[in-house]
């Protein structure tokens, strides 16, 4: 992979493919099947993939963590499409946090935002 632009393009391309599968035939597309299962099925899968990343980090090789992380990211993208969240929304949020310490960022949150964690 050669750089930030390529990484963003890869994510954007994958996001576009996932978007195009929404409303597709669940018999022909795993992604369409995920959408057909609704938000509950999607969030369960995101949870499952999150746990697989954690388990891989504790017990497996870095290569396995990369593989499981790619699975998690794929399912996060499905969740974002389902929720109407654009990649730009995520990138903007990450950029807004750039240069801000984690402690400073947490201190800037309201009690309601902190209780949602």
C-alpha atoms as a PDB file:
ATOM      1  CA  UNK A   1       0.000   0.000   0.000  1.00  0.00           C
ATOM      2  CA  UNK A   2       1.497   3.311  -0.920  1.00  0.00           C
ATOM      3  CA  UNK A   3       0.087   6.076   1.127  1.00  0.00           C
ATOM      4  CA  UNK A   4      -2.860   7.801   2.618  1.00  0.00           C
ATOM      5  CA  UNK A   5      -4.643   8.539  -0.675  1.00  0.00           C
ATOM      6  CA  UNK A   6      -4.572   4.884  -1.697  1.00  0.00           C
ATOM      7  CA  UNK A   7      -5.872   3.818   1.707  1.00  0.00           C
ATOM      8  CA  UNK A   8      -8.752   6.305   1.570  1.00  0.00           C
ATOM      9  CA  UNK A   9      -9.540   5.252  -2.005  1.00  0.00           C
ATOM     10  CA  UNK A  10      -9.587   1.580  -1.021  1.00  0.00           C
ATOM     11  CA  UNK A  11     -12.069   2.328   1.756  1.00  0.00           C
ATOM     12  CA  UNK A  12     -14.156   4.544  -0.539  1.00  0.00           C
ATOM     13  CA  UNK A  13     -14.235   1.849  -3.231  1.00  0.00           C
ATOM     14  CA  UNK A  14     -15.274  -0.807  -0.720  1.00  0.00           C
ATOM     15  CA  UNK A  15     -17.908   1.526   0.746  1.00  0.00           C
ATOM     16  CA  UNK A  16     -19.335   2.064  -2.755  1.00  0.00           C
ATOM     17  CA  UNK A  17     -19.501  -1.695  -3.392  1.00  0.00           C
ATOM     18  CA  UNK A  18     -21.247  -2.243  -0.060  1.00  0.00           C
ATOM     19  CA  UNK A  19     -23.718   0.565  -0.832  1.00  0.00           C
ATOM     20  CA  UNK A  20     -24.459  -1.020  -4.209  1.00  0.00           C
ATOM     21  CA  UNK A  21     -25.307  -4.342  -2.518  1.00  0.00           C
ATOM     22  CA  UNK A  22     -27.967  -2.774  -0.295  1.00  0.00           C
ATOM     23  CA  UNK A  23     -31.323  -3.976  -1.552  1.00  0.00           C
ATOM     24  CA  UNK A  24     -29.647  -6.696  -3.607  1.00  0.00           C
ATOM     25  CA  UNK A  25     -30.555 -10.363  -3.677  1.00  0.00           C
ATOM     26  CA  UNK A  26     -29.550 -12.030  -0.387  1.00  0.00           C
ATOM     27  CA  UNK A  27     -29.202 -15.321  -2.271  1.00  0.00           C
ATOM     28  CA  UNK A  28     -26.463 -13.826  -4.452  1.00  0.00           C
ATOM     29  CA  UNK A  29     -24.604 -11.503  -2.092  1.00  0.00           C
ATOM     30  CA  UNK A  30     -23.370 -11.949   1.464  1.00  0.00           C
ATOM     31  CA  UNK A  31     -23.531  -8.181   1.938  1.00  0.00           C
ATOM     32  CA  UNK A  32     -27.135  -8.061   0.690  1.00  0.00           C
ATOM     33  CA  UNK A  33     -27.905 -10.885   3.120  1.00  0.00           C
ATOM     34  CA  UNK A  34     -26.470  -8.808   5.972  1.00  0.00           C
ATOM     35  CA  UNK A  35     -28.663  -5.842   4.993  1.00  0.00           C
ATOM     36  CA  UNK A  36     -31.713  -8.112   4.706  1.00  0.00           C
ATOM     37  CA  UNK A  37     -31.089  -9.260   8.283  1.00  0.00           C
ATOM     38  CA  UNK A  38     -31.503  -5.705   9.494  1.00  0.00           C
ATOM     39  CA  UNK A  39     -29.687  -3.689  12.104  1.00  0.00           C
ATOM     40  CA  UNK A  40     -29.831  -6.465  14.691  1.00  0.00           C
ATOM     41  CA  UNK A  41     -28.005  -8.933  12.450  1.00  0.00           C
ATOM     42  CA  UNK A  42     -25.464  -6.321  11.424  1.00  0.00           C
ATOM     43  CA  UNK A  43     -24.677  -5.240  14.992  1.00  0.00           C
ATOM     44  CA  UNK A  44     -24.391  -8.854  16.149  1.00  0.00           C
ATOM     45  CA  UNK A  45     -21.866  -9.478  13.378  1.00  0.00           C
ATOM     46  CA  UNK A  46     -19.896  -6.338  14.290  1.00  0.00           C
ATOM     47  CA  UNK A  47     -19.806  -7.576  17.890  1.00  0.00           C
ATOM     48  CA  UNK A  48     -18.667 -11.035  16.799  1.00  0.00           C
ATOM     49  CA  UNK A  49     -15.921  -9.616  14.604  1.00  0.00           C
ATOM     50  CA  UNK A  50     -14.798  -7.282  17.412  1.00  0.00           C
ATOM     51  CA  UNK A  51     -14.363 -10.255  19.721  1.00  0.00           C
ATOM     52  CA  UNK A  52     -12.431 -12.120  17.039  1.00  0.00           C
ATOM     53  CA  UNK A  53      -9.981  -9.198  16.798  1.00  0.00           C
ATOM     54  CA  UNK A  54      -9.514  -9.253  20.571  1.00  0.00           C
ATOM     55  CA  UNK A  55      -8.981 -13.018  20.648  1.00  0.00           C
ATOM     56  CA  UNK A  56      -6.544 -12.835  17.735  1.00  0.00           C
ATOM     57  CA  UNK A  57      -4.602 -10.074  19.486  1.00  0.00           C
ATOM     58  CA  UNK A  58      -4.296 -12.178  22.627  1.00  0.00           C
ATOM     59  CA  UNK A  59      -3.584 -15.565  21.043  1.00  0.00           C
ATOM     60  CA  UNK A  60      -2.577 -15.276  17.410  1.00  0.00           C
ATOM     61  CA  UNK A  61      -0.003 -13.741  15.089  1.00  0.00           C
ATOM     62  CA  UNK A  62      -0.071 -10.127  13.906  1.00  0.00           C
ATOM     63  CA  UNK A  63      -1.099 -11.438  10.474  1.00  0.00           C
ATOM     64  CA  UNK A  64      -4.180 -13.018  12.013  1.00  0.00           C
ATOM     65  CA  UNK A  65      -4.995  -9.734  13.766  1.00  0.00           C
ATOM     66  CA  UNK A  66      -4.770  -7.993  10.377  1.00  0.00           C
ATOM     67  CA  UNK A  67      -7.149 -10.537   8.831  1.00  0.00           C
ATOM     68  CA  UNK A  68      -9.681 -10.254  11.650  1.00  0.00           C
ATOM     69  CA  UNK A  69      -9.374  -6.454  11.626  1.00  0.00           C
ATOM     70  CA  UNK A  70     -10.201  -6.413   7.921  1.00  0.00           C
ATOM     71  CA  UNK A  71     -13.317  -8.495   8.669  1.00  0.00           C
ATOM     72  CA  UNK A  72     -14.303  -6.046  11.411  1.00  0.00           C
ATOM     73  CA  UNK A  73     -13.757  -3.027   9.183  1.00  0.00           C
ATOM     74  CA  UNK A  74     -15.855  -4.614   6.421  1.00  0.00           C
ATOM     75  CA  UNK A  75     -18.744  -5.160   8.814  1.00  0.00           C
ATOM     76  CA  UNK A  76     -18.359  -1.666  10.269  1.00  0.00           C
ATOM     77  CA  UNK A  77     -18.732  -0.337   6.729  1.00  0.00           C
ATOM     78  CA  UNK A  78     -21.969  -2.324   6.371  1.00  0.00           C
ATOM     79  CA  UNK A  79     -23.170  -0.817   9.655  1.00  0.00           C
ATOM     80  CA  UNK A  80     -22.251   2.706   8.526  1.00  0.00           C
ATOM     81  CA  UNK A  81     -24.130   2.277   5.233  1.00  0.00           C
ATOM     82  CA  UNK A  82     -27.139   0.911   7.127  1.00  0.00           C
ATOM     83  CA  UNK A  83     -27.070   3.941   9.426  1.00  0.00           C
ATOM     84  CA  UNK A  84     -26.531   6.454   6.608  1.00  0.00           C
ATOM     85  CA  UNK A  85     -23.068   7.340   7.893  1.00  0.00           C
ATOM     86  CA  UNK A  86     -20.645   8.427   5.178  1.00  0.00           C
ATOM     87  CA  UNK A  87     -16.907   7.778   5.260  1.00  0.00           C
ATOM     88  CA  UNK A  88     -16.429  11.533   5.317  1.00  0.00           C
ATOM     89  CA  UNK A  89     -18.331  11.643   8.620  1.00  0.00           C
ATOM     90  CA  UNK A  90     -15.858   9.201  10.150  1.00  0.00           C
ATOM     91  CA  UNK A  91     -12.825  10.930   8.625  1.00  0.00           C
ATOM     92  CA  UNK A  92     -14.096  14.331   9.824  1.00  0.00           C
ATOM     93  CA  UNK A  93     -14.546  12.994  13.353  1.00  0.00           C
ATOM     94  CA  UNK A  94     -11.063  11.482  13.356  1.00  0.00           C
ATOM     95  CA  UNK A  95      -9.591  14.707  11.998  1.00  0.00           C
ATOM     96  CA  UNK A  96     -11.364  16.750  14.674  1.00  0.00           C
ATOM     97  CA  UNK A  97      -9.603  14.609  17.279  1.00  0.00           C
ATOM     98  CA  UNK A  98      -6.185  14.889  15.657  1.00  0.00           C
ATOM     99  CA  UNK A  99      -3.764  16.743  17.886  1.00  0.00           C
ATOM    100  CA  UNK A 100      -6.058  16.431  20.903  1.00  0.00           C
ATOM    101  CA  UNK A 101      -4.966  14.209  23.752  1.00  0.00           C
ATOM    102  CA  UNK A 102      -7.355  11.443  24.691  1.00  0.00           C
ATOM    103  CA  UNK A 103      -7.643  12.855  28.201  1.00  0.00           C
ATOM    104  CA  UNK A 104      -8.427  16.332  26.875  1.00  0.00           C
ATOM    105  CA  UNK A 105     -10.996  14.904  24.453  1.00  0.00           C
ATOM    106  CA  UNK A 106     -12.743  12.916  27.216  1.00  0.00           C
ATOM    107  CA  UNK A 107     -12.762  15.959  29.513  1.00  0.00           C
ATOM    108  CA  UNK A 108     -14.524  17.957  26.794  1.00  0.00           C
ATOM    109  CA  UNK A 109     -17.477  15.533  26.690  1.00  0.00           C
ATOM    110  CA  UNK A 110     -20.742  16.074  28.495  1.00  0.00           C
ATOM    111  CA  UNK A 111     -21.752  13.643  31.269  1.00  0.00           C
ATOM    112  CA  UNK A 112     -24.396  12.204  28.913  1.00  0.00           C
ATOM    113  CA  UNK A 113     -21.790  11.463  26.252  1.00  0.00           C
ATOM    114  CA  UNK A 114     -19.529   9.787  28.800  1.00  0.00           C
ATOM    115  CA  UNK A 115     -22.356   7.616  30.142  1.00  0.00           C
ATOM    116  CA  UNK A 116     -22.952   6.269  26.616  1.00  0.00           C
ATOM    117  CA  UNK A 117     -19.564   4.524  26.672  1.00  0.00           C
END
